Amino acid sequence: SLGQPLGKILAMTIAKPDNLDYLIPVPLHIDSER
């Protein structure tokens, strides 16, 4: 549950780039325990 609030505060402090279609997260490792 920490992830989304942290993402929000980051987005509010850094300018959004123009003409942005997608946000692409780095994927989770294949053997991740998470």
PDB file of all heavy atoms in Angstrom:
ATOM      1  N   SER A   1       0.804  -1.224   0.000  1.00  0.00           N
ATOM      2  CA  SER A   1       0.000   0.000   0.000  1.00  0.00           C
ATOM      3  C   SER A   1       0.837   1.275   0.000  1.00  0.00           C
ATOM      4  O   SER A   1       0.304   2.366  -0.190  1.00  0.00           O
ATOM      5  CB  SER A   1      -0.945   0.018   1.205  1.00  0.00           C
ATOM      6  OG  SER A   1      -0.220  -0.028   2.420  1.00  0.00           O
ATOM      7  N   LEU A   2       2.150   1.161   0.206  1.00  0.00           N
ATOM      8  CA  LEU A   2       3.020   2.334   0.138  1.00  0.00           C
ATOM      9  C   LEU A   2       3.250   2.786  -1.309  1.00  0.00           C
ATOM     10  O   LEU A   2       3.549   3.950  -1.560  1.00  0.00           O
ATOM     11  CB  LEU A   2       4.383   2.030   0.771  1.00  0.00           C
ATOM     12  CG  LEU A   2       4.448   1.918   2.288  1.00  0.00           C
ATOM     13  CD1 LEU A   2       5.805   1.365   2.709  1.00  0.00           C
ATOM     14  CD2 LEU A   2       4.210   3.276   2.925  1.00  0.00           C
ATOM     15  N   GLY A   3       3.109   1.870  -2.262  1.00  0.00           N
ATOM     16  CA  GLY A   3       3.497   2.155  -3.635  1.00  0.00           C
ATOM     17  C   GLY A   3       2.755   3.311  -4.268  1.00  0.00           C
ATOM     18  O   GLY A   3       3.377   4.244  -4.812  1.00  0.00           O
ATOM     19  N   GLN A   4       1.443   3.293  -4.200  1.00  0.00           N
ATOM     20  CA  GLN A   4       0.668   4.331  -4.869  1.00  0.00           C
ATOM     21  C   GLN A   4       0.849   5.720  -4.249  1.00  0.00           C
ATOM     22  O   GLN A   4       1.028   6.695  -4.987  1.00  0.00           O
ATOM     23  CB  GLN A   4      -0.806   3.935  -4.930  1.00  0.00           C
ATOM     24  CG  GLN A   4      -1.066   2.762  -5.861  1.00  0.00           C
ATOM     25  CD  GLN A   4      -2.527   2.569  -6.183  1.00  0.00           C
ATOM     26  OE1 GLN A   4      -3.267   3.522  -6.437  1.00  0.00           O
ATOM     27  NE2 GLN A   4      -2.963   1.317  -6.185  1.00  0.00           N
ATOM     28  N   PRO A   5       0.816   5.865  -2.917  1.00  0.00           N
ATOM     29  CA  PRO A   5       1.085   7.197  -2.350  1.00  0.00           C
ATOM     30  C   PRO A   5       2.458   7.737  -2.723  1.00  0.00           C
ATOM     31  O   PRO A   5       2.607   8.936  -2.986  1.00  0.00           O
ATOM     32  CB  PRO A   5       0.978   6.962  -0.839  1.00  0.00           C
ATOM     33  CG  PRO A   5       0.116   5.766  -0.686  1.00  0.00           C
ATOM     34  CD  PRO A   5       0.420   4.904  -1.869  1.00  0.00           C
ATOM     35  N   LEU A   6       3.458   6.872  -2.769  1.00  0.00           N
ATOM     36  CA  LEU A   6       4.797   7.307  -3.160  1.00  0.00           C
ATOM     37  C   LEU A   6       4.813   7.755  -4.624  1.00  0.00           C
ATOM     38  O   LEU A   6       5.442   8.761  -4.970  1.00  0.00           O
ATOM     39  CB  LEU A   6       5.803   6.175  -2.951  1.00  0.00           C
ATOM     40  CG  LEU A   6       6.112   5.821  -1.492  1.00  0.00           C
ATOM     41  CD1 LEU A   6       6.915   4.531  -1.419  1.00  0.00           C
ATOM     42  CD2 LEU A   6       6.866   6.950  -0.798  1.00  0.00           C
ATOM     43  N   GLY A   7       4.103   7.015  -5.475  1.00  0.00           N
ATOM     44  CA  GLY A   7       4.008   7.410  -6.870  1.00  0.00           C
ATOM     45  C   GLY A   7       3.311   8.744  -7.041  1.00  0.00           C
ATOM     46  O   GLY A   7       3.718   9.585  -7.854  1.00  0.00           O
ATOM     47  N   LYS A   8       2.272   8.969  -6.265  1.00  0.00           N
ATOM     48  CA  LYS A   8       1.538  10.231  -6.351  1.00  0.00           C
ATOM     49  C   LYS A   8       2.412  11.414  -5.951  1.00  0.00           C
ATOM     50  O   LYS A   8       2.426  12.450  -6.634  1.00  0.00           O
ATOM     51  CB  LYS A   8       0.299  10.182  -5.450  1.00  0.00           C
ATOM     52  CG  LYS A   8      -0.816   9.300  -5.963  1.00  0.00           C
ATOM     53  CD  LYS A   8      -2.000   9.314  -5.006  1.00  0.00           C
ATOM     54  CE  LYS A   8      -3.141   8.446  -5.494  1.00  0.00           C
ATOM     55  NZ  LYS A   8      -4.279   8.448  -4.534  1.00  0.00           N
ATOM     56  N   ILE A   9       3.134  11.275  -4.851  1.00  0.00           N
ATOM     57  CA  ILE A   9       3.946  12.396  -4.386  1.00  0.00           C
ATOM     58  C   ILE A   9       5.093  12.658  -5.350  1.00  0.00           C
ATOM     59  O   ILE A   9       5.503  13.807  -5.557  1.00  0.00           O
ATOM     60  CB  ILE A   9       4.457  12.146  -2.947  1.00  0.00           C
ATOM     61  CG1 ILE A   9       4.840  13.465  -2.277  1.00  0.00           C
ATOM     62  CG2 ILE A   9       5.587  11.171  -2.883  1.00  0.00           C
ATOM     63  CD1 ILE A   9       3.686  14.354  -1.938  1.00  0.00           C
ATOM     64  N   LEU A  10       5.611  11.606  -5.990  1.00  0.00           N
ATOM     65  CA  LEU A  10       6.647  11.794  -7.000  1.00  0.00           C
ATOM     66  C   LEU A  10       6.090  12.560  -8.198  1.00  0.00           C
ATOM     67  O   LEU A  10       6.707  13.512  -8.694  1.00  0.00           O
ATOM     68  CB  LEU A  10       7.195  10.436  -7.452  1.00  0.00           C
ATOM     69  CG  LEU A  10       8.257  10.469  -8.550  1.00  0.00           C
ATOM     70  CD1 LEU A  10       9.506  11.204  -8.077  1.00  0.00           C
ATOM     71  CD2 LEU A  10       8.615   9.052  -8.998  1.00  0.00           C
ATOM     72  N   ALA A  11       4.902  12.167  -8.653  1.00  0.00           N
ATOM     73  CA  ALA A  11       4.291  12.813  -9.816  1.00  0.00           C
ATOM     74  C   ALA A  11       3.953  14.272  -9.552  1.00  0.00           C
ATOM     75  O   ALA A  11       3.956  15.098 -10.471  1.00  0.00           O
ATOM     76  CB  ALA A  11       3.031  12.055 -10.225  1.00  0.00           C
ATOM     77  N   MET A  12       3.670  14.598  -8.305  1.00  0.00           N
ATOM     78  CA  MET A  12       3.314  15.978  -7.964  1.00  0.00           C
ATOM     79  C   MET A  12       4.529  16.886  -7.854  1.00  0.00           C
ATOM     80  O   MET A  12       4.393  18.111  -7.828  1.00  0.00           O
ATOM     81  CB  MET A  12       2.510  16.011  -6.659  1.00  0.00           C
ATOM     82  CG  MET A  12       1.103  15.469  -6.809  1.00  0.00           C
ATOM     83  SD  MET A  12       0.067  15.708  -5.340  1.00  0.00           S
ATOM     84  CE  MET A  12       0.730  14.456  -4.247  1.00  0.00           C
ATOM     85  N   THR A  13       5.723  16.300  -7.796  1.00  0.00           N
ATOM     86  CA  THR A  13       6.931  17.114  -7.643  1.00  0.00           C
ATOM     87  C   THR A  13       7.800  17.160  -8.894  1.00  0.00           C
ATOM     88  O   THR A  13       8.752  17.927  -8.960  1.00  0.00           O
ATOM     89  CB  THR A  13       7.792  16.595  -6.465  1.00  0.00           C
ATOM     90  OG1 THR A  13       8.133  15.231  -6.698  1.00  0.00           O
ATOM     91  CG2 THR A  13       7.050  16.720  -5.150  1.00  0.00           C
ATOM     92  N   ILE A  14       7.469  16.332  -9.888  1.00  0.00           N
ATOM     93  CA  ILE A  14       8.230  16.302 -11.143  1.00  0.00           C
ATOM     94  C   ILE A  14       7.258  16.552 -12.292  1.00  0.00           C
ATOM     95  O   ILE A  14       6.188  15.955 -12.355  1.00  0.00           O
ATOM     96  CB  ILE A  14       8.957  14.956 -11.323  1.00  0.00           C
ATOM     97  CG1 ILE A  14       9.986  14.758 -10.218  1.00  0.00           C
ATOM     98  CG2 ILE A  14       9.613  14.873 -12.690  1.00  0.00           C
ATOM     99  CD1 ILE A  14      10.743  13.451 -10.295  1.00  0.00           C
ATOM    100  N   ALA A  15       7.633  17.423 -13.203  1.00  0.00           N
ATOM    101  CA  ALA A  15       6.749  17.803 -14.298  1.00  0.00           C
ATOM    102  C   ALA A  15       6.464  16.626 -15.234  1.00  0.00           C
ATOM    103  O   ALA A  15       7.375  15.875 -15.592  1.00  0.00           O
ATOM    104  CB  ALA A  15       7.363  18.948 -15.089  1.00  0.00           C
ATOM    105  N   LYS A  16       5.218  16.493 -15.633  1.00  0.00           N
ATOM    106  CA  LYS A  16       4.822  15.469 -16.587  1.00  0.00           C
ATOM    107  C   LYS A  16       5.346  15.834 -17.972  1.00  0.00           C
ATOM    108  O   LYS A  16       5.183  16.962 -18.427  1.00  0.00           O
ATOM    109  CB  LYS A  16       3.300  15.369 -16.614  1.00  0.00           C
ATOM    110  CG  LYS A  16       2.738  14.479 -17.708  1.00  0.00           C
ATOM    111  CD  LYS A  16       1.228  14.604 -17.775  1.00  0.00           C
ATOM    112  CE  LYS A  16       0.670  13.877 -18.985  1.00  0.00           C
ATOM    113  NZ  LYS A  16      -0.803  14.060 -19.099  1.00  0.00           N
ATOM    114  N   PRO A  17       5.970  14.892 -18.676  1.00  0.00           N
ATOM    115  CA  PRO A  17       6.428  15.184 -20.038  1.00  0.00           C
ATOM    116  C   PRO A  17       5.244  15.321 -20.996  1.00  0.00           C
ATOM    117  O   PRO A  17       4.180  14.738 -20.782  1.00  0.00           O
ATOM    118  CB  PRO A  17       7.291  13.972 -20.394  1.00  0.00           C
ATOM    119  CG  PRO A  17       6.790  12.888 -19.505  1.00  0.00           C
ATOM    120  CD  PRO A  17       6.331  13.535 -18.242  1.00  0.00           C
ATOM    121  N   ASP A  18       5.425  16.091 -22.039  1.00  0.00           N
ATOM    122  CA  ASP A  18       4.366  16.275 -23.037  1.00  0.00           C
ATOM    123  C   ASP A  18       4.229  15.037 -23.920  1.00  0.00           C
ATOM    124  O   ASP A  18       5.175  14.279 -24.119  1.00  0.00           O
ATOM    125  CB  ASP A  18       4.685  17.486 -23.914  1.00  0.00           C
ATOM    126  CG  ASP A  18       4.696  18.789 -23.126  1.00  0.00           C
ATOM    127  OD1 ASP A  18       3.923  18.879 -22.148  1.00  0.00           O
ATOM    128  OD2 ASP A  18       5.466  19.694 -23.484  1.00  0.00           O
ATOM    129  N   ASN A  19       3.019  14.860 -24.445  1.00  0.00           N
ATOM    130  CA  ASN A  19       2.744  13.813 -25.448  1.00  0.00           C
ATOM    131  C   ASN A  19       3.151  12.419 -24.961  1.00  0.00           C
ATOM    132  O   ASN A  19       3.776  11.649 -25.687  1.00  0.00           O
ATOM    133  CB  ASN A  19       3.472  14.133 -26.762  1.00  0.00           C
ATOM    134  CG  ASN A  19       3.101  15.507 -27.300  1.00  0.00           C
ATOM    135  OD1 ASN A  19       1.927  15.868 -27.316  1.00  0.00           O
ATOM    136  ND2 ASN A  19       4.099  16.271 -27.721  1.00  0.00           N
ATOM    137  N   LEU A  20       2.773  12.107 -23.744  1.00  0.00           N
ATOM    138  CA  LEU A  20       3.127  10.814 -23.150  1.00  0.00           C
ATOM    139  C   LEU A  20       1.962   9.845 -23.283  1.00  0.00           C
ATOM    140  O   LEU A  20       0.857  10.110 -22.783  1.00  0.00           O
ATOM    141  CB  LEU A  20       3.492  11.005 -21.678  1.00  0.00           C
ATOM    142  CG  LEU A  20       3.964   9.785 -20.898  1.00  0.00           C
ATOM    143  CD1 LEU A  20       5.232   9.208 -21.513  1.00  0.00           C
ATOM    144  CD2 LEU A  20       4.208  10.166 -19.428  1.00  0.00           C
ATOM    145  N   ASP A  21       2.186   8.713 -23.960  1.00  0.00           N
ATOM    146  CA  ASP A  21       1.123   7.729 -24.162  1.00  0.00           C
ATOM    147  C   ASP A  21       1.025   6.718 -23.031  1.00  0.00           C
ATOM    148  O   ASP A  21      -0.074   6.331 -22.619  1.00  0.00           O
ATOM    149  CB  ASP A  21       1.354   6.967 -25.476  1.00  0.00           C
ATOM    150  CG  ASP A  21       1.217   7.851 -26.703  1.00  0.00           C
ATOM    151  OD1 ASP A  21       0.240   8.620 -26.774  1.00  0.00           O
ATOM    152  OD2 ASP A  21       2.100   7.779 -27.589  1.00  0.00           O
ATOM    153  N   TYR A  22       2.185   6.260 -22.535  1.00  0.00           N
ATOM    154  CA  TYR A  22       2.178   5.174 -21.560  1.00  0.00           C
ATOM    155  C   TYR A  22       3.220   5.376 -20.459  1.00  0.00           C
ATOM    156  O   TYR A  22       4.262   6.009 -20.677  1.00  0.00           O
ATOM    157  CB  TYR A  22       2.486   3.836 -22.240  1.00  0.00           C
ATOM    158  CG  TYR A  22       1.485   3.370 -23.252  1.00  0.00           C
ATOM    159  CD1 TYR A  22       1.863   3.152 -24.578  1.00  0.00           C
ATOM    160  CD2 TYR A  22       0.163   3.119 -22.894  1.00  0.00           C
ATOM    161  CE1 TYR A  22       0.955   2.697 -25.511  1.00  0.00           C
ATOM    162  CE2 TYR A  22      -0.758   2.668 -23.836  1.00  0.00           C
ATOM    163  CZ  TYR A  22      -0.362   2.472 -25.137  1.00  0.00           C
ATOM    164  OH  TYR A  22      -1.265   2.026 -26.072  1.00  0.00           O
ATOM    165  N   LEU A  23       2.915   4.792 -19.325  1.00  0.00           N
ATOM    166  CA  LEU A  23       3.901   4.550 -18.275  1.00  0.00           C
ATOM    167  C   LEU A  23       4.212   3.060 -18.309  1.00  0.00           C
ATOM    168  O   LEU A  23       3.298   2.228 -18.258  1.00  0.00           O
ATOM    169  CB  LEU A  23       3.351   4.916 -16.898  1.00  0.00           C
ATOM    170  CG  LEU A  23       2.900   6.356 -16.673  1.00  0.00           C
ATOM    171  CD1 LEU A  23       2.250   6.491 -15.292  1.00  0.00           C
ATOM    172  CD2 LEU A  23       4.062   7.323 -16.816  1.00  0.00           C
ATOM    173  N   ILE A  24       5.483   2.707 -18.400  1.00  0.00           N
ATOM    174  CA  ILE A  24       5.875   1.297 -18.462  1.00  0.00           C
ATOM    175  C   ILE A  24       6.727   0.962 -17.246  1.00  0.00           C
ATOM    176  O   ILE A  24       7.877   1.417 -17.140  1.00  0.00           O
ATOM    177  CB  ILE A  24       6.650   0.985 -19.756  1.00  0.00           C
ATOM    178  CG1 ILE A  24       5.786   1.293 -20.976  1.00  0.00           C
ATOM    179  CG2 ILE A  24       7.103  -0.474 -19.766  1.00  0.00           C
ATOM    180  CD1 ILE A  24       6.459   1.011 -22.305  1.00  0.00           C
ATOM    181  N   PRO A  25       6.184   0.200 -16.291  1.00  0.00           N
ATOM    182  CA  PRO A  25       6.977  -0.173 -15.115  1.00  0.00           C
ATOM    183  C   PRO A  25       7.981  -1.275 -15.437  1.00  0.00           C
ATOM    184  O   PRO A  25       7.724  -2.127 -16.296  1.00  0.00           O
ATOM    185  CB  PRO A  25       5.916  -0.676 -14.127  1.00  0.00           C
ATOM    186  CG  PRO A  25       4.794  -1.152 -14.991  1.00  0.00           C
ATOM    187  CD  PRO A  25       4.799  -0.286 -16.222  1.00  0.00           C
ATOM    188  N   VAL A  26       9.114  -1.235 -14.774  1.00  0.00           N
ATOM    189  CA  VAL A  26      10.063  -2.349 -14.865  1.00  0.00           C
ATOM    190  C   VAL A  26       9.360  -3.595 -14.332  1.00  0.00           C
ATOM    191  O   VAL A  26       8.767  -3.564 -13.254  1.00  0.00           O
ATOM    192  CB  VAL A  26      11.333  -2.051 -14.050  1.00  0.00           C
ATOM    193  CG1 VAL A  26      12.235  -3.277 -13.980  1.00  0.00           C
ATOM    194  CG2 VAL A  26      12.088  -0.868 -14.666  1.00  0.00           C
ATOM    195  N   PRO A  27       9.378  -4.697 -15.066  1.00  0.00           N
ATOM    196  CA  PRO A  27       8.636  -5.894 -14.628  1.00  0.00           C
ATOM    197  C   PRO A  27       9.255  -6.572 -13.415  1.00  0.00           C
ATOM    198  O   PRO A  27      10.428  -6.363 -13.099  1.00  0.00           O
ATOM    199  CB  PRO A  27       8.688  -6.809 -15.862  1.00  0.00           C
ATOM    200  CG  PRO A  27       9.912  -6.382 -16.605  1.00  0.00           C
ATOM    201  CD  PRO A  27      10.029  -4.904 -16.381  1.00  0.00           C
ATOM    202  N   LEU A  28       8.449  -7.372 -12.768  1.00  0.00           N
ATOM    203  CA  LEU A  28       8.901  -8.153 -11.623  1.00  0.00           C
ATOM    204  C   LEU A  28       9.754  -9.317 -12.109  1.00  0.00           C
ATOM    205  O   LEU A  28       9.464  -9.940 -13.133  1.00  0.00           O
ATOM    206  CB  LEU A  28       7.685  -8.685 -10.857  1.00  0.00           C
ATOM    207  CG  LEU A  28       7.919  -9.341  -9.500  1.00  0.00           C
ATOM    208  CD1 LEU A  28       8.444  -8.315  -8.498  1.00  0.00           C
ATOM    209  CD2 LEU A  28       6.607  -9.954  -8.982  1.00  0.00           C
ATOM    210  N   HIS A  29      10.817  -9.619 -11.386  1.00  0.00           N
ATOM    211  CA  HIS A  29      11.695 -10.731 -11.754  1.00  0.00           C
ATOM    212  C   HIS A  29      10.931 -12.053 -11.796  1.00  0.00           C
ATOM    213  O   HIS A  29       9.982 -12.268 -11.032  1.00  0.00           O
ATOM    214  CB  HIS A  29      12.853 -10.844 -10.762  1.00  0.00           C
ATOM    215  CG  HIS A  29      13.909  -9.796 -10.959  1.00  0.00           C
ATOM    216  ND1 HIS A  29      14.932  -9.922 -11.871  1.00  0.00           N
ATOM    217  CD2 HIS A  29      14.091  -8.582 -10.356  1.00  0.00           C
ATOM    218  CE1 HIS A  29      15.700  -8.845 -11.824  1.00  0.00           C
ATOM    219  NE2 HIS A  29      15.215  -8.022 -10.921  1.00  0.00           N
ATOM    220  N   ILE A  30      11.358 -12.921 -12.659  1.00  0.00           N
ATOM    221  CA  ILE A  30      10.682 -14.206 -12.859  1.00  0.00           C
ATOM    222  C   ILE A  30      10.585 -15.005 -11.568  1.00  0.00           C
ATOM    223  O   ILE A  30       9.547 -15.587 -11.252  1.00  0.00           O
ATOM    224  CB  ILE A  30      11.420 -15.039 -13.940  1.00  0.00           C
ATOM    225  CG1 ILE A  30      11.313 -14.350 -15.296  1.00  0.00           C
ATOM    226  CG2 ILE A  30      10.854 -16.459 -14.011  1.00  0.00           C
ATOM    227  CD1 ILE A  30      12.147 -15.000 -16.381  1.00  0.00           C
ATOM    228  N   ASP A  31      11.660 -15.058 -10.808  1.00  0.00           N
ATOM    229  CA  ASP A  31      11.684 -15.890  -9.604  1.00  0.00           C
ATOM    230  C   ASP A  31      11.486 -15.076  -8.332  1.00  0.00           C
ATOM    231  O   ASP A  31      11.852 -15.524  -7.239  1.00  0.00           O
ATOM    232  CB  ASP A  31      12.999 -16.657  -9.519  1.00  0.00           C
ATOM    233  CG  ASP A  31      14.202 -15.727  -9.432  1.00  0.00           C
ATOM    234  OD1 ASP A  31      14.047 -14.522  -9.741  1.00  0.00           O
ATOM    235  OD2 ASP A  31      15.295 -16.186  -9.043  1.00  0.00           O
ATOM    236  N   SER A  32      10.889 -13.908  -8.450  1.00  0.00           N
ATOM    237  CA  SER A  32      10.715 -13.048  -7.283  1.00  0.00           C
ATOM    238  C   SER A  32       9.790 -13.687  -6.247  1.00  0.00           C
ATOM    239  O   SER A  32       8.785 -14.322  -6.604  1.00  0.00           O
ATOM    240  CB  SER A  32      10.138 -11.696  -7.699  1.00  0.00           C
ATOM    241  OG  SER A  32       9.881 -10.888  -6.574  1.00  0.00           O
ATOM    242  N   GLU A  33      10.129 -13.528  -4.985  1.00  0.00           N
ATOM    243  CA  GLU A  33       9.281 -14.009  -3.902  1.00  0.00           C
ATOM    244  C   GLU A  33       8.165 -13.015  -3.598  1.00  0.00           C
ATOM    245  O   GLU A  33       7.254 -13.322  -2.840  1.00  0.00           O
ATOM    246  CB  GLU A  33      10.133 -14.246  -2.644  1.00  0.00           C
ATOM    247  CG  GLU A  33      11.194 -15.322  -2.816  1.00  0.00           C
ATOM    248  CD  GLU A  33      12.050 -15.496  -1.567  1.00  0.00           C
ATOM    249  OE1 GLU A  33      11.869 -14.711  -0.621  1.00  0.00           O
ATOM    250  OE2 GLU A  33      12.882 -16.408  -1.549  1.00  0.00           O
ATOM    251  N   ARG A  34       8.252 -11.842  -4.178  1.00  0.00           N
ATOM    252  CA  ARG A  34       7.262 -10.800  -3.928  1.00  0.00           C
ATOM    253  C   ARG A  34       5.963 -11.127  -4.663  1.00  0.00           C
ATOM    254  O   ARG A  34       5.984 -11.591  -5.812  1.00  0.00           O
ATOM    255  CB  ARG A  34       7.820  -9.456  -4.394  1.00  0.00           C
ATOM    256  CG  ARG A  34       7.162  -8.233  -3.803  1.00  0.00           C
ATOM    257  CD  ARG A  34       7.921  -6.967  -4.191  1.00  0.00           C
ATOM    258  NE  ARG A  34       9.304  -7.045  -3.716  1.00  0.00           N
ATOM    259  CZ  ARG A  34      10.358  -6.984  -4.502  1.00  0.00           C
ATOM    260  NH1 ARG A  34      10.204  -6.844  -5.802  1.00  0.00           N
ATOM    261  NH2 ARG A  34      11.573  -7.061  -4.003  1.00  0.00           N
TER     262      ARG A  34
END
